[in-house]
Amino acid sequence: MTLPAEAQAALDSFEHCASWEQRARLLMQWGQRLPELAEADKTEANRVHGCESQVWLVGELKDGHWQFAASSDARLIRGLVALLLARVNGLSSKAMHHVDLPDWFNQLGLSRQLSPSRSNGLNAVLQRMRELSA
């Protein structure tokens, strides 16, 4: 399966990281680049349940391809969510159901940094994306 261009760009940038400190810094940069959600979108209906941090998610289908936007109150989670968005934005509903979250973060070299609660939270975000795209 071909990766979306932004996902390939993420992989390319993370594979040049020699240390966890470099990966962490890059992760924060991805989070900072995440466009801020409008306050109007930060509603209970858009909040992802199952995350320890606050995460809001909105999605829109454009020409058969999904575009998601998200925000979080936690810097590390913003970075992880930004990388998840890079992986899924532009996919069809069908392709969305084939995204392997652990494999994606493993490819980025971030899987060992995902605590069970962060992993559960990201799975909740992906699950919500799948619900929206169903």
N, C-alpha and C. Protein backbone atom coordinates (compact mmCIF):
# COMPACT_ATOMS: atom_id res chain seq x y z
N MET A 1 0.85 -1.20 0.00
CA MET A 1 0.00 0.00 0.00
C MET A 1 0.89 1.25 0.00
N THR A 2 0.56 2.19 -0.84
CA THR A 2 1.34 3.42 -0.92
C THR A 2 0.95 4.34 0.23
N LEU A 3 1.96 4.97 0.80
CA LEU A 3 1.71 5.90 1.89
C LEU A 3 1.32 7.27 1.34
N PRO A 4 0.46 8.00 2.07
CA PRO A 4 0.21 9.39 1.69
C PRO A 4 1.55 10.16 1.72
N ALA A 5 1.66 11.20 0.90
CA ALA A 5 2.92 11.96 0.79
C ALA A 5 3.41 12.47 2.15
N GLU A 6 2.48 12.95 2.97
CA GLU A 6 2.89 13.49 4.27
C GLU A 6 3.41 12.39 5.20
N ALA A 7 2.83 11.19 5.08
CA ALA A 7 3.31 10.07 5.88
C ALA A 7 4.72 9.67 5.45
N GLN A 8 4.97 9.68 4.14
CA GLN A 8 6.30 9.36 3.63
C GLN A 8 7.31 10.41 4.12
N ALA A 9 6.89 11.67 4.12
CA ALA A 9 7.76 12.75 4.60
C ALA A 9 8.10 12.54 6.08
N ALA A 10 7.11 12.10 6.86
CA ALA A 10 7.34 11.83 8.28
C ALA A 10 8.36 10.71 8.44
N LEU A 11 8.17 9.63 7.70
CA LEU A 11 9.12 8.51 7.76
C LEU A 11 10.52 8.97 7.40
N ASP A 12 10.63 9.74 6.34
CA ASP A 12 11.94 10.22 5.90
C ASP A 12 12.61 11.06 6.97
N SER A 13 11.85 11.95 7.62
CA SER A 13 12.45 12.81 8.64
C SER A 13 12.84 12.02 9.89
N PHE A 14 12.02 11.04 10.28
CA PHE A 14 12.33 10.29 11.50
C PHE A 14 13.47 9.30 11.30
N GLU A 15 13.67 8.83 10.07
CA GLU A 15 14.74 7.84 9.90
C GLU A 15 16.12 8.48 10.00
N HIS A 16 16.19 9.81 9.95
CA HIS A 16 17.47 10.50 10.10
C HIS A 16 17.81 10.78 11.57
N CYS A 17 16.91 10.44 12.47
CA CYS A 17 17.15 10.68 13.90
C CYS A 17 18.03 9.57 14.46
N ALA A 18 19.14 9.99 15.05
CA ALA A 18 20.08 9.00 15.61
C ALA A 18 19.75 8.65 17.05
N SER A 19 19.06 9.54 17.74
CA SER A 19 18.82 9.31 19.17
C SER A 19 17.37 9.60 19.53
N TRP A 20 16.99 9.14 20.72
CA TRP A 20 15.63 9.41 21.19
C TRP A 20 15.42 10.90 21.37
N GLU A 21 16.44 11.65 21.81
CA GLU A 21 16.29 13.10 21.99
C GLU A 21 15.92 13.77 20.67
N GLN A 22 16.57 13.34 19.58
CA GLN A 22 16.24 13.91 18.27
C GLN A 22 14.81 13.55 17.87
N ARG A 23 14.42 12.30 18.13
CA ARG A 23 13.04 11.89 17.81
C ARG A 23 12.03 12.70 18.62
N ALA A 24 12.32 12.88 19.91
CA ALA A 24 11.41 13.64 20.78
C ALA A 24 11.27 15.08 20.29
N ARG A 25 12.39 15.67 19.90
CA ARG A 25 12.35 17.05 19.41
C ARG A 25 11.52 17.12 18.12
N LEU A 26 11.74 16.17 17.22
CA LEU A 26 10.99 16.13 15.96
C LEU A 26 9.49 15.90 16.23
N LEU A 27 9.20 15.04 17.19
CA LEU A 27 7.82 14.78 17.57
C LEU A 27 7.13 16.06 18.04
N MET A 28 7.83 16.85 18.86
CA MET A 28 7.27 18.13 19.34
C MET A 28 7.06 19.09 18.17
N GLN A 29 8.00 19.09 17.21
CA GLN A 29 7.86 19.97 16.04
C GLN A 29 6.63 19.60 15.23
N TRP A 30 6.38 18.29 15.07
CA TRP A 30 5.17 17.86 14.35
C TRP A 30 3.94 18.36 15.09
N GLY A 31 3.97 18.29 16.41
CA GLY A 31 2.84 18.77 17.20
C GLY A 31 2.61 20.26 17.05
N GLN A 32 3.73 21.02 16.97
CA GLN A 32 3.61 22.48 16.81
C GLN A 32 3.04 22.85 15.44
N ARG A 33 3.28 22.00 14.45
CA ARG A 33 2.78 22.29 13.10
C ARG A 33 1.31 21.93 12.94
N LEU A 34 0.78 21.21 13.90
CA LEU A 34 -0.63 20.81 13.82
C LEU A 34 -1.49 22.07 13.88
N PRO A 35 -2.30 22.33 12.84
CA PRO A 35 -3.13 23.54 12.86
C PRO A 35 -4.08 23.51 14.06
N GLU A 36 -4.25 24.64 14.68
CA GLU A 36 -5.12 24.74 15.86
C GLU A 36 -6.58 24.57 15.41
N LEU A 37 -7.32 23.76 16.15
CA LEU A 37 -8.75 23.61 15.87
C LEU A 37 -9.49 24.86 16.33
N ALA A 38 -10.53 25.19 15.61
CA ALA A 38 -11.38 26.31 16.02
C ALA A 38 -12.02 25.97 17.36
N GLU A 39 -12.18 26.96 18.21
CA GLU A 39 -12.82 26.74 19.52
C GLU A 39 -14.19 26.09 19.35
N ALA A 40 -14.88 26.46 18.27
CA ALA A 40 -16.21 25.91 18.01
C ALA A 40 -16.17 24.39 17.80
N ASP A 41 -15.00 23.87 17.39
CA ASP A 41 -14.87 22.43 17.18
C ASP A 41 -14.47 21.67 18.45
N LYS A 42 -14.06 22.42 19.46
CA LYS A 42 -13.66 21.77 20.72
C LYS A 42 -14.88 21.54 21.60
N THR A 43 -15.76 20.67 21.10
CA THR A 43 -17.00 20.38 21.81
C THR A 43 -16.95 18.96 22.37
N GLU A 44 -17.85 18.69 23.26
CA GLU A 44 -17.94 17.35 23.83
C GLU A 44 -18.18 16.31 22.74
N ALA A 45 -18.97 16.68 21.73
CA ALA A 45 -19.28 15.74 20.64
C ALA A 45 -18.03 15.36 19.85
N ASN A 46 -17.05 16.26 19.79
CA ASN A 46 -15.83 16.00 19.02
C ASN A 46 -14.69 15.47 19.89
N ARG A 47 -14.93 15.36 21.20
CA ARG A 47 -13.87 14.87 22.08
C ARG A 47 -13.75 13.36 21.95
N VAL A 48 -12.49 12.90 21.89
CA VAL A 48 -12.23 11.46 21.78
C VAL A 48 -12.19 10.89 23.18
N HIS A 49 -13.05 9.92 23.44
CA HIS A 49 -13.06 9.29 24.76
C HIS A 49 -12.09 8.13 24.75
N GLY A 50 -11.43 7.91 25.87
CA GLY A 50 -10.43 6.85 25.93
C GLY A 50 -9.02 7.40 25.96
N CYS A 51 -8.90 8.73 25.91
CA CYS A 51 -7.59 9.38 26.01
C CYS A 51 -7.48 10.00 27.40
N GLU A 52 -6.28 9.88 27.99
CA GLU A 52 -6.06 10.56 29.28
C GLU A 52 -6.02 12.06 29.07
N SER A 53 -5.43 12.49 27.96
CA SER A 53 -5.38 13.91 27.61
C SER A 53 -6.65 14.26 26.87
N GLN A 54 -6.90 15.56 26.79
CA GLN A 54 -8.04 16.01 25.99
C GLN A 54 -7.63 15.95 24.52
N VAL A 55 -8.41 15.27 23.71
CA VAL A 55 -8.18 15.24 22.26
C VAL A 55 -9.53 15.47 21.58
N TRP A 56 -9.52 16.40 20.63
CA TRP A 56 -10.72 16.67 19.83
C TRP A 56 -10.40 16.30 18.39
N LEU A 57 -11.40 15.76 17.70
CA LEU A 57 -11.19 15.30 16.33
C LEU A 57 -12.40 15.64 15.47
N VAL A 58 -12.13 16.19 14.30
CA VAL A 58 -13.19 16.42 13.31
C VAL A 58 -12.71 15.84 11.98
N GLY A 59 -13.64 15.38 11.18
CA GLY A 59 -13.29 14.79 9.89
C GLY A 59 -14.26 15.21 8.82
N GLU A 60 -13.77 15.23 7.60
CA GLU A 60 -14.59 15.64 6.47
C GLU A 60 -14.20 14.79 5.26
N LEU A 61 -15.20 14.31 4.55
CA LEU A 61 -14.98 13.52 3.34
C LEU A 61 -14.97 14.46 2.15
N LYS A 62 -13.84 14.47 1.41
CA LYS A 62 -13.73 15.32 0.21
C LYS A 62 -13.37 14.43 -0.97
N ASP A 63 -14.23 14.35 -1.93
CA ASP A 63 -13.98 13.55 -3.14
C ASP A 63 -13.55 12.12 -2.81
N GLY A 64 -14.20 11.51 -1.83
CA GLY A 64 -13.91 10.12 -1.49
C GLY A 64 -12.69 9.92 -0.61
N HIS A 65 -12.07 11.02 -0.17
CA HIS A 65 -10.89 10.93 0.69
C HIS A 65 -11.11 11.72 1.98
N TRP A 66 -10.68 11.14 3.08
CA TRP A 66 -10.89 11.76 4.38
C TRP A 66 -9.80 12.76 4.73
N GLN A 67 -10.24 13.86 5.33
CA GLN A 67 -9.32 14.86 5.88
C GLN A 67 -9.73 15.08 7.33
N PHE A 68 -8.81 14.81 8.23
CA PHE A 68 -9.09 14.99 9.65
C PHE A 68 -8.28 16.15 10.19
N ALA A 69 -8.82 16.75 11.22
CA ALA A 69 -8.11 17.78 11.98
C ALA A 69 -8.31 17.42 13.45
N ALA A 70 -7.29 17.70 14.26
CA ALA A 70 -7.36 17.33 15.66
C ALA A 70 -6.55 18.31 16.49
N SER A 71 -6.81 18.28 17.77
CA SER A 71 -6.06 19.10 18.70
C SER A 71 -5.98 18.37 20.03
N SER A 72 -4.97 18.70 20.81
CA SER A 72 -4.83 18.12 22.14
C SER A 72 -4.23 19.16 23.07
N ASP A 73 -4.50 18.99 24.36
CA ASP A 73 -3.94 19.91 25.34
C ASP A 73 -2.54 19.46 25.80
N ALA A 74 -2.09 18.30 25.34
CA ALA A 74 -0.79 17.77 25.75
C ALA A 74 0.18 17.80 24.57
N ARG A 75 1.38 18.36 24.78
CA ARG A 75 2.33 18.55 23.68
C ARG A 75 2.74 17.24 23.02
N LEU A 76 3.07 16.25 23.81
CA LEU A 76 3.51 14.97 23.25
C LEU A 76 2.39 14.32 22.45
N ILE A 77 1.18 14.37 22.98
CA ILE A 77 0.03 13.79 22.29
C ILE A 77 -0.24 14.54 20.99
N ARG A 78 -0.08 15.88 21.01
CA ARG A 78 -0.25 16.65 19.76
C ARG A 78 0.68 16.12 18.68
N GLY A 79 1.93 15.83 19.05
CA GLY A 79 2.89 15.30 18.08
C GLY A 79 2.48 13.94 17.56
N LEU A 80 2.07 13.06 18.47
CA LEU A 80 1.65 11.72 18.06
C LEU A 80 0.40 11.77 17.18
N VAL A 81 -0.54 12.64 17.55
CA VAL A 81 -1.77 12.78 16.75
C VAL A 81 -1.43 13.37 15.38
N ALA A 82 -0.49 14.33 15.33
CA ALA A 82 -0.08 14.92 14.05
C ALA A 82 0.48 13.83 13.13
N LEU A 83 1.26 12.91 13.70
CA LEU A 83 1.82 11.82 12.90
C LEU A 83 0.74 10.83 12.47
N LEU A 84 -0.25 10.63 13.32
CA LEU A 84 -1.38 9.77 12.94
C LEU A 84 -2.15 10.42 11.79
N LEU A 85 -2.38 11.73 11.88
CA LEU A 85 -3.08 12.44 10.80
C LEU A 85 -2.30 12.35 9.49
N ALA A 86 -0.96 12.46 9.60
CA ALA A 86 -0.13 12.35 8.39
C ALA A 86 -0.35 10.99 7.73
N ARG A 87 -0.57 9.97 8.55
CA ARG A 87 -0.74 8.60 8.04
C ARG A 87 -2.11 8.37 7.41
N VAL A 88 -3.16 9.03 7.95
CA VAL A 88 -4.52 8.71 7.49
C VAL A 88 -5.14 9.76 6.58
N ASN A 89 -4.69 11.02 6.63
CA ASN A 89 -5.34 12.04 5.80
C ASN A 89 -5.15 11.71 4.33
N GLY A 90 -6.26 11.79 3.60
CA GLY A 90 -6.23 11.50 2.18
C GLY A 90 -6.63 10.07 1.85
N LEU A 91 -6.86 9.25 2.88
CA LEU A 91 -7.25 7.86 2.63
C LEU A 91 -8.76 7.74 2.40
N SER A 92 -9.14 6.67 1.72
CA SER A 92 -10.56 6.35 1.57
C SER A 92 -11.02 5.67 2.86
N SER A 93 -12.32 5.55 3.03
CA SER A 93 -12.87 4.86 4.22
C SER A 93 -12.33 3.44 4.29
N LYS A 94 -12.25 2.76 3.15
CA LYS A 94 -11.78 1.38 3.12
C LYS A 94 -10.32 1.29 3.56
N ALA A 95 -9.47 2.17 3.02
CA ALA A 95 -8.04 2.16 3.35
C ALA A 95 -7.83 2.48 4.83
N MET A 96 -8.70 3.31 5.39
CA MET A 96 -8.59 3.70 6.80
C MET A 96 -8.68 2.47 7.71
N HIS A 97 -9.45 1.50 7.30
CA HIS A 97 -9.64 0.30 8.13
C HIS A 97 -8.44 -0.64 8.07
N HIS A 98 -7.49 -0.36 7.18
CA HIS A 98 -6.31 -1.20 7.07
C HIS A 98 -5.07 -0.57 7.71
N VAL A 99 -5.23 0.61 8.32
CA VAL A 99 -4.09 1.26 8.96
C VAL A 99 -3.69 0.46 10.20
N ASP A 100 -2.41 0.11 10.26
CA ASP A 100 -1.88 -0.65 11.39
C ASP A 100 -1.10 0.33 12.27
N LEU A 101 -1.76 0.76 13.34
CA LEU A 101 -1.19 1.78 14.22
C LEU A 101 0.16 1.36 14.83
N PRO A 102 0.24 0.18 15.45
CA PRO A 102 1.54 -0.21 16.03
C PRO A 102 2.65 -0.26 14.98
N ASP A 103 2.31 -0.75 13.79
CA ASP A 103 3.32 -0.83 12.73
C ASP A 103 3.78 0.56 12.30
N TRP A 104 2.85 1.50 12.20
CA TRP A 104 3.19 2.87 11.79
C TRP A 104 4.17 3.50 12.78
N PHE A 105 3.87 3.41 14.07
CA PHE A 105 4.76 4.03 15.06
C PHE A 105 6.07 3.25 15.19
N ASN A 106 6.04 1.97 14.88
CA ASN A 106 7.26 1.17 14.84
C ASN A 106 8.16 1.65 13.70
N GLN A 107 7.56 1.89 12.53
CA GLN A 107 8.33 2.40 11.38
C GLN A 107 8.98 3.74 11.70
N LEU A 108 8.29 4.56 12.50
CA LEU A 108 8.82 5.88 12.87
C LEU A 108 9.88 5.77 13.98
N GLY A 109 9.99 4.58 14.57
CA GLY A 109 10.93 4.39 15.65
C GLY A 109 10.42 4.94 16.97
N LEU A 110 9.11 5.06 17.10
CA LEU A 110 8.51 5.65 18.30
C LEU A 110 7.76 4.64 19.16
N SER A 111 7.67 3.39 18.71
CA SER A 111 6.78 2.45 19.40
C SER A 111 7.18 2.20 20.86
N ARG A 112 8.47 2.16 21.16
CA ARG A 112 8.83 1.88 22.55
C ARG A 112 8.56 3.06 23.47
N GLN A 113 8.28 4.23 22.88
CA GLN A 113 7.95 5.41 23.68
C GLN A 113 6.45 5.49 23.98
N LEU A 114 5.68 4.58 23.38
CA LEU A 114 4.24 4.61 23.59
C LEU A 114 3.88 3.80 24.82
N SER A 115 3.57 4.50 25.89
CA SER A 115 3.12 3.81 27.09
C SER A 115 1.77 3.16 26.78
N PRO A 116 1.34 2.18 27.57
CA PRO A 116 0.02 1.57 27.30
C PRO A 116 -1.10 2.61 27.24
N SER A 117 -1.05 3.62 28.12
CA SER A 117 -2.14 4.61 28.11
C SER A 117 -2.09 5.47 26.85
N ARG A 118 -0.88 5.84 26.38
CA ARG A 118 -0.77 6.61 25.13
C ARG A 118 -1.22 5.77 23.94
N SER A 119 -0.80 4.52 23.96
CA SER A 119 -1.18 3.60 22.90
C SER A 119 -2.70 3.44 22.84
N ASN A 120 -3.32 3.27 24.00
CA ASN A 120 -4.78 3.17 24.07
C ASN A 120 -5.44 4.44 23.56
N GLY A 121 -4.88 5.58 23.94
CA GLY A 121 -5.43 6.85 23.50
C GLY A 121 -5.37 7.01 22.00
N LEU A 122 -4.23 6.66 21.41
CA LEU A 122 -4.09 6.76 19.95
C LEU A 122 -5.01 5.77 19.25
N ASN A 123 -5.16 4.59 19.83
CA ASN A 123 -6.11 3.63 19.28
C ASN A 123 -7.53 4.17 19.33
N ALA A 124 -7.84 4.91 20.41
CA ALA A 124 -9.17 5.52 20.53
C ALA A 124 -9.37 6.57 19.44
N VAL A 125 -8.31 7.34 19.14
CA VAL A 125 -8.40 8.35 18.07
C VAL A 125 -8.62 7.67 16.72
N LEU A 126 -7.85 6.61 16.45
CA LEU A 126 -8.02 5.89 15.18
C LEU A 126 -9.40 5.25 15.09
N GLN A 127 -9.87 4.70 16.21
CA GLN A 127 -11.21 4.10 16.24
C GLN A 127 -12.28 5.15 15.93
N ARG A 128 -12.10 6.34 16.49
CA ARG A 128 -13.06 7.42 16.23
C ARG A 128 -13.02 7.82 14.75
N MET A 129 -11.82 7.84 14.16
CA MET A 129 -11.71 8.15 12.72
C MET A 129 -12.47 7.10 11.91
N ARG A 130 -12.32 5.86 12.31
CA ARG A 130 -13.02 4.78 11.59
C ARG A 130 -14.53 4.90 11.75
N GLU A 131 -14.98 5.31 12.94
CA GLU A 131 -16.43 5.50 13.15
C GLU A 131 -16.94 6.63 12.26
N LEU A 132 -16.19 7.73 12.22
CA LEU A 132 -16.61 8.86 11.39
C LEU A 132 -16.62 8.49 9.92
N SER A 133 -15.72 7.61 9.51
CA SER A 133 -15.60 7.28 8.09
C SER A 133 -16.47 6.10 7.68
N ALA A 134 -17.18 5.50 8.63
CA ALA A 134 -18.00 4.32 8.32
C ALA A 134 -19.22 4.69 7.50
